[in-house]
Amino acid sequence: MILGAAGLALIKSFEQCRLAAYQDQRGVWTIGWGHTGPAVTAQSVCSQADADAWLLQDTYAAQKAVNATVDVAITQNQFDALVSFTFNVGAGSEAHSTLVAKLNGGDTAGAADQFLVWDKVNGVQNAGLARRRAAERALFIGLG
């Protein structure tokens, strides 16, 4: 599957595009639409075209991860919600999550509820992540 318009819109709604690097809530240097990596430093700047290209690359990596880890048939909305989640938490966290285990085990409702567990930064609940996870869950269950 590939990321649909609803999934891309969801990601963009939670990832402000910033053309100068900033530290996210965990202190990770970030630029564009939530792009991170060793090349992103405090001095990094980019164009809108760079930010948009990185978003496509980064969402492609998240799509690839979801396609590799989900073993059951899912809807476009479910896929889009999972890609948004994976884009935010990383492919490794998604692959080893209870969310994916429940989904692959046939517990779709349990998987949906697992989105809400991922609302913390360094063990502290974060209102922004809680809103994001609620929006991802809503899309996953077909309400978004």
N, C-alpha and C. Protein backbone atom coordinates (compact mmCIF):
# COMPACT_ATOMS: atom_id res chain seq x y z
N MET A 1 0.84 -1.18 0.00
CA MET A 1 0.00 0.00 0.00
C MET A 1 0.88 1.24 0.00
N ILE A 2 0.29 2.36 -0.40
CA ILE A 2 0.99 3.64 -0.36
C ILE A 2 0.16 4.64 0.44
N LEU A 3 0.83 5.63 0.96
CA LEU A 3 0.19 6.65 1.78
C LEU A 3 -0.84 7.42 0.97
N GLY A 4 -2.02 7.57 1.52
CA GLY A 4 -3.09 8.30 0.88
C GLY A 4 -3.12 9.76 1.32
N ALA A 5 -4.00 10.51 0.71
CA ALA A 5 -4.12 11.94 0.99
C ALA A 5 -4.48 12.21 2.46
N ALA A 6 -5.34 11.38 3.03
CA ALA A 6 -5.73 11.59 4.43
C ALA A 6 -4.53 11.40 5.36
N GLY A 7 -3.71 10.43 5.07
CA GLY A 7 -2.53 10.19 5.90
C GLY A 7 -1.52 11.31 5.79
N LEU A 8 -1.28 11.77 4.57
CA LEU A 8 -0.34 12.87 4.38
C LEU A 8 -0.85 14.14 5.07
N ALA A 9 -2.14 14.40 4.95
CA ALA A 9 -2.73 15.57 5.61
C ALA A 9 -2.60 15.46 7.13
N LEU A 10 -2.80 14.26 7.66
CA LEU A 10 -2.66 14.06 9.10
C LEU A 10 -1.24 14.35 9.56
N ILE A 11 -0.27 13.80 8.84
CA ILE A 11 1.13 14.04 9.20
C ILE A 11 1.43 15.54 9.16
N LYS A 12 1.04 16.20 8.10
CA LYS A 12 1.32 17.63 7.97
C LYS A 12 0.62 18.45 9.05
N SER A 13 -0.53 17.99 9.50
CA SER A 13 -1.26 18.74 10.52
C SER A 13 -0.53 18.73 11.87
N PHE A 14 0.33 17.74 12.08
CA PHE A 14 1.06 17.65 13.35
C PHE A 14 2.54 18.00 13.20
N GLU A 15 3.04 18.07 12.01
CA GLU A 15 4.44 18.41 11.76
C GLU A 15 4.49 19.76 11.06
N GLN A 16 4.70 20.82 11.80
CA GLN A 16 4.85 22.13 11.17
C GLN A 16 6.07 22.11 10.28
N CYS A 17 5.99 22.74 9.14
CA CYS A 17 7.16 22.84 8.28
C CYS A 17 8.00 24.02 8.76
N ARG A 18 9.22 23.71 9.15
CA ARG A 18 10.15 24.75 9.60
C ARG A 18 11.41 24.66 8.75
N LEU A 19 11.79 25.77 8.19
CA LEU A 19 12.92 25.80 7.26
C LEU A 19 14.26 26.02 7.96
N ALA A 20 14.24 26.22 9.25
CA ALA A 20 15.46 26.30 10.07
C ALA A 20 15.35 25.23 11.15
N ALA A 21 16.47 24.62 11.47
CA ALA A 21 16.49 23.52 12.43
C ALA A 21 16.02 23.98 13.81
N TYR A 22 15.38 23.06 14.50
CA TYR A 22 14.92 23.29 15.87
C TYR A 22 15.05 21.97 16.62
N GLN A 23 15.06 22.03 17.93
CA GLN A 23 15.09 20.81 18.73
C GLN A 23 13.66 20.42 19.09
N ASP A 24 13.33 19.16 18.83
CA ASP A 24 12.01 18.68 19.18
C ASP A 24 11.92 18.47 20.69
N GLN A 25 10.81 17.93 21.15
CA GLN A 25 10.58 17.79 22.59
C GLN A 25 11.56 16.85 23.26
N ARG A 26 12.20 16.00 22.48
CA ARG A 26 13.22 15.09 23.04
C ARG A 26 14.62 15.64 22.86
N GLY A 27 14.73 16.84 22.27
CA GLY A 27 16.05 17.44 22.06
C GLY A 27 16.72 17.05 20.76
N VAL A 28 15.99 16.39 19.86
CA VAL A 28 16.54 15.95 18.58
C VAL A 28 16.44 17.09 17.57
N TRP A 29 17.56 17.38 16.89
CA TRP A 29 17.54 18.42 15.86
C TRP A 29 16.67 17.97 14.70
N THR A 30 15.76 18.83 14.30
CA THR A 30 14.71 18.53 13.33
C THR A 30 14.57 19.69 12.38
N ILE A 31 14.17 19.40 11.14
CA ILE A 31 13.98 20.46 10.14
C ILE A 31 12.89 20.02 9.16
N GLY A 32 12.35 20.97 8.44
CA GLY A 32 11.31 20.64 7.45
C GLY A 32 10.06 20.12 8.13
N TRP A 33 9.51 19.07 7.56
CA TRP A 33 8.29 18.42 8.09
C TRP A 33 8.67 17.29 9.05
N GLY A 34 9.48 17.57 10.06
CA GLY A 34 9.84 16.55 11.04
C GLY A 34 11.01 15.68 10.62
N HIS A 35 11.85 16.18 9.71
CA HIS A 35 13.01 15.40 9.23
C HIS A 35 14.14 15.46 10.26
N THR A 36 14.71 14.31 10.55
CA THR A 36 15.84 14.20 11.48
C THR A 36 16.95 13.41 10.82
N GLY A 37 18.08 13.36 11.46
CA GLY A 37 19.20 12.57 10.97
C GLY A 37 20.51 13.23 11.30
N PRO A 38 21.60 12.53 11.06
CA PRO A 38 22.92 13.06 11.44
C PRO A 38 23.31 14.34 10.72
N ALA A 39 22.73 14.59 9.56
CA ALA A 39 23.06 15.82 8.82
C ALA A 39 22.32 17.04 9.35
N VAL A 40 21.34 16.85 10.21
CA VAL A 40 20.57 17.97 10.75
C VAL A 40 21.27 18.46 12.02
N THR A 41 21.71 19.71 11.97
CA THR A 41 22.40 20.33 13.10
C THR A 41 21.73 21.65 13.45
N ALA A 42 22.22 22.29 14.48
CA ALA A 42 21.65 23.57 14.92
C ALA A 42 21.73 24.63 13.81
N GLN A 43 22.68 24.51 12.91
CA GLN A 43 22.87 25.50 11.86
C GLN A 43 22.11 25.16 10.57
N SER A 44 21.42 24.05 10.52
CA SER A 44 20.77 23.61 9.29
C SER A 44 19.62 24.53 8.89
N VAL A 45 19.57 24.80 7.59
CA VAL A 45 18.44 25.50 6.98
C VAL A 45 18.10 24.76 5.70
N CYS A 46 16.89 24.94 5.20
CA CYS A 46 16.49 24.27 3.97
C CYS A 46 15.48 25.12 3.23
N SER A 47 15.25 24.75 1.99
CA SER A 47 14.20 25.39 1.19
C SER A 47 12.91 24.61 1.37
N GLN A 48 11.80 25.19 0.92
CA GLN A 48 10.53 24.47 0.95
C GLN A 48 10.63 23.20 0.10
N ALA A 49 11.32 23.30 -1.04
CA ALA A 49 11.48 22.13 -1.91
C ALA A 49 12.24 21.02 -1.19
N ASP A 50 13.29 21.39 -0.43
CA ASP A 50 14.03 20.39 0.35
C ASP A 50 13.11 19.73 1.37
N ALA A 51 12.36 20.56 2.09
CA ALA A 51 11.45 20.04 3.13
C ALA A 51 10.44 19.07 2.54
N ASP A 52 9.87 19.44 1.40
CA ASP A 52 8.87 18.58 0.75
C ASP A 52 9.49 17.27 0.26
N ALA A 53 10.71 17.34 -0.27
CA ALA A 53 11.41 16.13 -0.74
C ALA A 53 11.73 15.21 0.43
N TRP A 54 12.19 15.78 1.53
CA TRP A 54 12.48 14.95 2.71
C TRP A 54 11.20 14.31 3.24
N LEU A 55 10.10 15.04 3.20
CA LEU A 55 8.83 14.47 3.66
C LEU A 55 8.47 13.23 2.83
N LEU A 56 8.64 13.33 1.53
CA LEU A 56 8.36 12.17 0.67
C LEU A 56 9.29 11.00 1.01
N GLN A 57 10.58 11.29 1.20
CA GLN A 57 11.54 10.23 1.55
C GLN A 57 11.20 9.60 2.90
N ASP A 58 10.93 10.46 3.87
CA ASP A 58 10.66 9.97 5.23
C ASP A 58 9.35 9.20 5.31
N THR A 59 8.33 9.68 4.59
CA THR A 59 7.07 8.93 4.61
C THR A 59 7.22 7.63 3.83
N TYR A 60 8.06 7.62 2.80
CA TYR A 60 8.31 6.38 2.07
C TYR A 60 8.91 5.34 3.02
N ALA A 61 9.86 5.76 3.84
CA ALA A 61 10.47 4.83 4.80
C ALA A 61 9.42 4.30 5.78
N ALA A 62 8.52 5.16 6.23
CA ALA A 62 7.46 4.72 7.14
C ALA A 62 6.49 3.77 6.43
N GLN A 63 6.17 4.06 5.18
CA GLN A 63 5.29 3.17 4.41
C GLN A 63 5.93 1.79 4.25
N LYS A 64 7.21 1.79 3.93
CA LYS A 64 7.94 0.53 3.76
C LYS A 64 7.92 -0.29 5.06
N ALA A 65 8.11 0.40 6.17
CA ALA A 65 8.10 -0.28 7.47
C ALA A 65 6.73 -0.89 7.76
N VAL A 66 5.67 -0.13 7.53
CA VAL A 66 4.32 -0.66 7.79
C VAL A 66 4.03 -1.84 6.87
N ASN A 67 4.38 -1.71 5.61
CA ASN A 67 4.15 -2.82 4.67
C ASN A 67 4.92 -4.06 5.08
N ALA A 68 6.08 -3.89 5.72
CA ALA A 68 6.90 -5.02 6.12
C ALA A 68 6.41 -5.68 7.41
N THR A 69 5.76 -4.91 8.28
CA THR A 69 5.40 -5.46 9.59
C THR A 69 3.96 -5.90 9.72
N VAL A 70 3.07 -5.35 8.92
CA VAL A 70 1.66 -5.72 9.03
C VAL A 70 1.37 -6.92 8.13
N ASP A 71 0.89 -7.98 8.73
CA ASP A 71 0.69 -9.25 8.03
C ASP A 71 -0.77 -9.52 7.68
N VAL A 72 -1.66 -8.60 8.01
CA VAL A 72 -3.09 -8.80 7.76
C VAL A 72 -3.59 -7.72 6.81
N ALA A 73 -4.73 -7.98 6.20
CA ALA A 73 -5.33 -6.98 5.31
C ALA A 73 -5.85 -5.81 6.14
N ILE A 74 -5.54 -4.60 5.70
CA ILE A 74 -6.00 -3.40 6.39
C ILE A 74 -6.58 -2.42 5.37
N THR A 75 -7.35 -1.48 5.87
CA THR A 75 -7.96 -0.46 5.01
C THR A 75 -6.94 0.66 4.73
N GLN A 76 -7.28 1.51 3.79
CA GLN A 76 -6.42 2.66 3.50
C GLN A 76 -6.30 3.57 4.73
N ASN A 77 -7.41 3.79 5.42
CA ASN A 77 -7.36 4.63 6.63
C ASN A 77 -6.46 4.02 7.70
N GLN A 78 -6.53 2.71 7.87
CA GLN A 78 -5.68 2.05 8.85
C GLN A 78 -4.21 2.18 8.46
N PHE A 79 -3.93 1.99 7.18
CA PHE A 79 -2.56 2.13 6.70
C PHE A 79 -2.06 3.56 6.93
N ASP A 80 -2.87 4.54 6.56
CA ASP A 80 -2.47 5.94 6.72
C ASP A 80 -2.19 6.28 8.18
N ALA A 81 -3.04 5.80 9.08
CA ALA A 81 -2.83 6.05 10.51
C ALA A 81 -1.54 5.41 10.98
N LEU A 82 -1.28 4.18 10.53
CA LEU A 82 -0.04 3.49 10.91
C LEU A 82 1.19 4.18 10.35
N VAL A 83 1.11 4.72 9.15
CA VAL A 83 2.26 5.44 8.58
C VAL A 83 2.52 6.71 9.37
N SER A 84 1.48 7.44 9.74
CA SER A 84 1.66 8.64 10.57
C SER A 84 2.33 8.27 11.89
N PHE A 85 1.84 7.22 12.51
CA PHE A 85 2.41 6.73 13.77
C PHE A 85 3.88 6.37 13.60
N THR A 86 4.18 5.61 12.56
CA THR A 86 5.55 5.15 12.31
C THR A 86 6.47 6.31 11.98
N PHE A 87 5.98 7.26 11.20
CA PHE A 87 6.74 8.46 10.87
C PHE A 87 7.17 9.17 12.15
N ASN A 88 6.31 9.17 13.14
CA ASN A 88 6.57 9.88 14.39
C ASN A 88 7.42 9.09 15.37
N VAL A 89 7.15 7.80 15.54
CA VAL A 89 7.87 7.03 16.57
C VAL A 89 9.08 6.28 16.03
N GLY A 90 9.15 6.08 14.71
CA GLY A 90 10.24 5.35 14.11
C GLY A 90 9.87 3.91 13.79
N ALA A 91 10.53 3.39 12.77
CA ALA A 91 10.22 2.04 12.29
C ALA A 91 10.52 0.97 13.33
N GLY A 92 11.59 1.13 14.08
CA GLY A 92 11.94 0.14 15.09
C GLY A 92 10.89 0.05 16.19
N SER A 93 10.43 1.19 16.64
CA SER A 93 9.40 1.20 17.69
C SER A 93 8.10 0.62 17.16
N GLU A 94 7.74 0.97 15.93
CA GLU A 94 6.51 0.43 15.34
C GLU A 94 6.60 -1.09 15.21
N ALA A 95 7.73 -1.58 14.73
CA ALA A 95 7.88 -3.02 14.47
C ALA A 95 7.75 -3.85 15.74
N HIS A 96 8.18 -3.30 16.86
CA HIS A 96 8.16 -4.05 18.11
C HIS A 96 7.01 -3.64 19.03
N SER A 97 6.05 -2.93 18.48
CA SER A 97 4.96 -2.41 19.30
C SER A 97 3.86 -3.44 19.55
N THR A 98 3.19 -3.28 20.66
CA THR A 98 2.00 -4.07 20.96
C THR A 98 0.91 -3.77 19.95
N LEU A 99 0.88 -2.53 19.44
CA LEU A 99 -0.10 -2.14 18.44
C LEU A 99 -0.04 -3.09 17.24
N VAL A 100 1.15 -3.28 16.69
CA VAL A 100 1.31 -4.15 15.52
C VAL A 100 1.05 -5.61 15.90
N ALA A 101 1.48 -6.02 17.07
CA ALA A 101 1.24 -7.40 17.51
C ALA A 101 -0.26 -7.68 17.61
N LYS A 102 -0.99 -6.75 18.19
CA LYS A 102 -2.45 -6.94 18.30
C LYS A 102 -3.10 -6.94 16.92
N LEU A 103 -2.69 -6.03 16.05
CA LEU A 103 -3.26 -5.98 14.71
C LEU A 103 -3.00 -7.28 13.97
N ASN A 104 -1.78 -7.76 13.98
CA ASN A 104 -1.44 -9.00 13.30
C ASN A 104 -2.11 -10.21 13.94
N GLY A 105 -2.46 -10.10 15.21
CA GLY A 105 -3.15 -11.17 15.91
C GLY A 105 -4.67 -11.14 15.71
N GLY A 106 -5.14 -10.18 14.94
CA GLY A 106 -6.57 -10.11 14.66
C GLY A 106 -7.38 -9.24 15.62
N ASP A 107 -6.71 -8.58 16.54
CA ASP A 107 -7.39 -7.72 17.52
C ASP A 107 -7.32 -6.26 17.05
N THR A 108 -8.16 -5.93 16.09
CA THR A 108 -8.14 -4.58 15.50
C THR A 108 -8.54 -3.53 16.52
N ALA A 109 -9.54 -3.81 17.35
CA ALA A 109 -9.97 -2.85 18.37
C ALA A 109 -8.86 -2.62 19.39
N GLY A 110 -8.20 -3.69 19.79
CA GLY A 110 -7.08 -3.56 20.72
C GLY A 110 -5.93 -2.78 20.11
N ALA A 111 -5.69 -3.01 18.82
CA ALA A 111 -4.65 -2.26 18.12
C ALA A 111 -4.99 -0.78 18.10
N ALA A 112 -6.24 -0.46 17.81
CA ALA A 112 -6.67 0.94 17.78
C ALA A 112 -6.41 1.62 19.12
N ASP A 113 -6.72 0.93 20.20
CA ASP A 113 -6.52 1.51 21.53
C ASP A 113 -5.05 1.71 21.87
N GLN A 114 -4.17 0.94 21.24
CA GLN A 114 -2.74 1.07 21.50
C GLN A 114 -2.16 2.40 21.02
N PHE A 115 -2.80 3.05 20.05
CA PHE A 115 -2.31 4.36 19.64
C PHE A 115 -2.23 5.29 20.85
N LEU A 116 -3.23 5.19 21.74
CA LEU A 116 -3.35 6.11 22.86
C LEU A 116 -2.27 5.92 23.91
N VAL A 117 -1.59 4.78 23.88
CA VAL A 117 -0.52 4.49 24.84
C VAL A 117 0.74 5.32 24.53
N TRP A 118 0.90 5.70 23.28
CA TRP A 118 2.12 6.35 22.81
C TRP A 118 2.01 7.88 22.91
N ASP A 119 1.76 8.38 24.10
CA ASP A 119 1.51 9.81 24.31
C ASP A 119 2.50 10.46 25.27
N LYS A 120 3.68 9.86 25.41
CA LYS A 120 4.64 10.35 26.40
C LYS A 120 5.97 10.74 25.75
N VAL A 121 6.60 11.73 26.36
CA VAL A 121 7.97 12.13 26.02
C VAL A 121 8.79 11.94 27.29
N ASN A 122 9.79 11.06 27.23
CA ASN A 122 10.62 10.76 28.39
C ASN A 122 9.78 10.38 29.61
N GLY A 123 8.72 9.60 29.37
CA GLY A 123 7.88 9.08 30.44
C GLY A 123 6.81 10.03 30.95
N VAL A 124 6.74 11.23 30.40
CA VAL A 124 5.77 12.23 30.85
C VAL A 124 4.73 12.42 29.75
N GLN A 125 3.45 12.36 30.14
CA GLN A 125 2.39 12.54 29.15
C GLN A 125 2.52 13.90 28.49
N ASN A 126 2.31 13.93 27.16
CA ASN A 126 2.45 15.14 26.37
C ASN A 126 1.12 15.41 25.66
N ALA A 127 0.58 16.60 25.84
CA ALA A 127 -0.73 16.94 25.27
C ALA A 127 -0.72 16.88 23.76
N GLY A 128 0.35 17.33 23.13
CA GLY A 128 0.44 17.29 21.67
C GLY A 128 0.44 15.87 21.13
N LEU A 129 1.19 14.99 21.79
CA LEU A 129 1.19 13.59 21.36
C LEU A 129 -0.16 12.93 21.64
N ALA A 130 -0.79 13.30 22.73
CA ALA A 130 -2.12 12.74 23.02
C ALA A 130 -3.11 13.12 21.92
N ARG A 131 -3.06 14.37 21.45
CA ARG A 131 -3.94 14.80 20.35
C ARG A 131 -3.60 14.05 19.06
N ARG A 132 -2.31 13.90 18.79
CA ARG A 132 -1.90 13.19 17.58
C ARG A 132 -2.37 11.75 17.62
N ARG A 133 -2.17 11.08 18.74
CA ARG A 133 -2.55 9.67 18.84
C ARG A 133 -4.07 9.51 18.73
N ALA A 134 -4.82 10.44 19.30
CA ALA A 134 -6.28 10.38 19.19
C ALA A 134 -6.70 10.55 17.73
N ALA A 135 -6.02 11.44 17.01
CA ALA A 135 -6.34 11.65 15.59
C ALA A 135 -5.96 10.42 14.76
N GLU A 136 -4.82 9.82 15.06
CA GLU A 136 -4.42 8.59 14.36
C GLU A 136 -5.40 7.46 14.64
N ARG A 137 -5.81 7.34 15.90
CA ARG A 137 -6.78 6.30 16.25
C ARG A 137 -8.10 6.53 15.53
N ALA A 138 -8.54 7.77 15.49
CA ALA A 138 -9.80 8.10 14.81
C ALA A 138 -9.73 7.72 13.33
N LEU A 139 -8.62 8.04 12.67
CA LEU A 139 -8.47 7.66 11.27
C LEU A 139 -8.44 6.14 11.14
N PHE A 140 -7.73 5.48 12.03
CA PHE A 140 -7.60 4.02 12.01
C PHE A 140 -8.96 3.34 12.09
N ILE A 141 -9.85 3.86 12.94
CA ILE A 141 -11.15 3.22 13.11
C ILE A 141 -12.20 3.78 12.14
N GLY A 142 -11.77 4.68 11.27
CA GLY A 142 -12.66 5.17 10.23
C GLY A 142 -13.44 6.41 10.57
N LEU A 143 -13.03 7.11 11.63
CA LEU A 143 -13.72 8.33 12.02
C LEU A 143 -12.99 9.58 11.56
N GLY A 144 -11.75 9.41 11.09
CA GLY A 144 -10.94 10.58 10.73
C GLY A 144 -11.08 11.01 9.30
